[in-house]
Protein backbone atom coordinates (compact mmCIF):
# COMPACT_ATOMS: atom_id res chain seq x y z
CA MET A 1 93.03 93.71 102.53
CA TYR A 2 92.89 96.56 99.98
CA ALA A 3 95.60 98.42 101.86
CA LEU A 4 98.15 95.84 100.70
CA ASP A 5 97.26 96.58 97.07
CA ALA A 6 97.79 100.29 97.70
CA LEU A 7 101.08 99.69 99.52
CA LYS A 8 102.43 97.71 96.55
CA THR A 9 102.13 100.82 94.35
CA MET A 10 103.88 103.13 96.81
CA LYS A 11 107.55 104.15 97.03
CA ILE A 12 109.95 103.51 99.89
CA GLY A 13 109.38 106.03 102.67
CA GLU A 14 105.75 106.76 101.80
CA VAL A 15 103.09 106.30 104.49
CA LEU A 16 99.58 104.98 103.99
CA GLN A 17 96.79 105.98 106.36
CA VAL A 18 94.22 103.22 106.77
CA ILE A 19 90.88 103.90 108.44
CA ALA A 20 88.83 100.88 109.48
CA ASP A 21 85.68 100.39 111.51
CA CYS A 22 85.86 96.63 112.03
CA PRO A 23 87.03 95.69 115.55
CA GLN A 24 88.98 92.72 114.16
CA SER A 25 91.13 95.07 112.10
CA PHE A 26 92.80 96.28 115.32
CA ARG A 27 94.84 93.06 115.19
CA SER A 28 94.61 91.94 111.58
CA VAL A 29 95.82 95.12 109.84
CA PRO A 30 99.12 95.40 111.78
CA GLU A 31 99.73 91.64 111.51
CA GLU A 32 99.23 91.62 107.73
CA ALA A 33 101.29 94.76 107.20
CA VAL A 34 104.27 93.38 109.13
CA LYS A 35 103.88 89.94 107.54
CA HIS A 36 104.23 91.55 104.10
CA GLY A 37 107.31 93.58 105.07
CA TYR A 38 105.77 96.96 105.91
CA GLN A 39 106.21 98.95 109.13
CA LEU A 40 103.47 100.15 111.44
CA ILE A 41 104.79 103.57 112.48
CA THR A 42 102.38 104.23 115.35
CA GLU A 43 100.09 102.14 117.49
CA PRO A 44 96.54 101.91 116.10
CA LYS A 45 94.43 104.85 117.29
CA LYS A 46 90.73 104.41 118.01
CA ILE A 47 88.57 107.50 117.56
CA GLY A 48 84.90 106.74 118.00
CA GLN A 49 84.25 103.59 116.00
CA ASP A 50 87.10 104.26 113.56
CA ILE A 51 90.58 102.80 113.94
CA TYR A 52 93.49 104.65 112.31
CA PHE A 53 96.66 102.91 111.14
CA TYR A 54 99.78 104.45 109.61
CA ILE A 55 101.83 102.00 107.57
CA LYS A 56 105.22 102.84 106.05
CA VAL A 57 106.79 101.28 102.97
CA VAL A 58 110.30 100.24 103.99
CA LYS A 59 111.43 98.03 101.09
């Protein structure tokens, strides 16, 4: 997941917006983010075929 690479370069408190169009990402993106110590700050939002995630760097 490229989002994890981006998150590694970010500072504590910064938020990454991830936009995906793969239905599997609805589960996999939040699971991977939490597994690696990041925080999902809102529930995934589906708009059309796109799914929006907001992930915060907390450590």
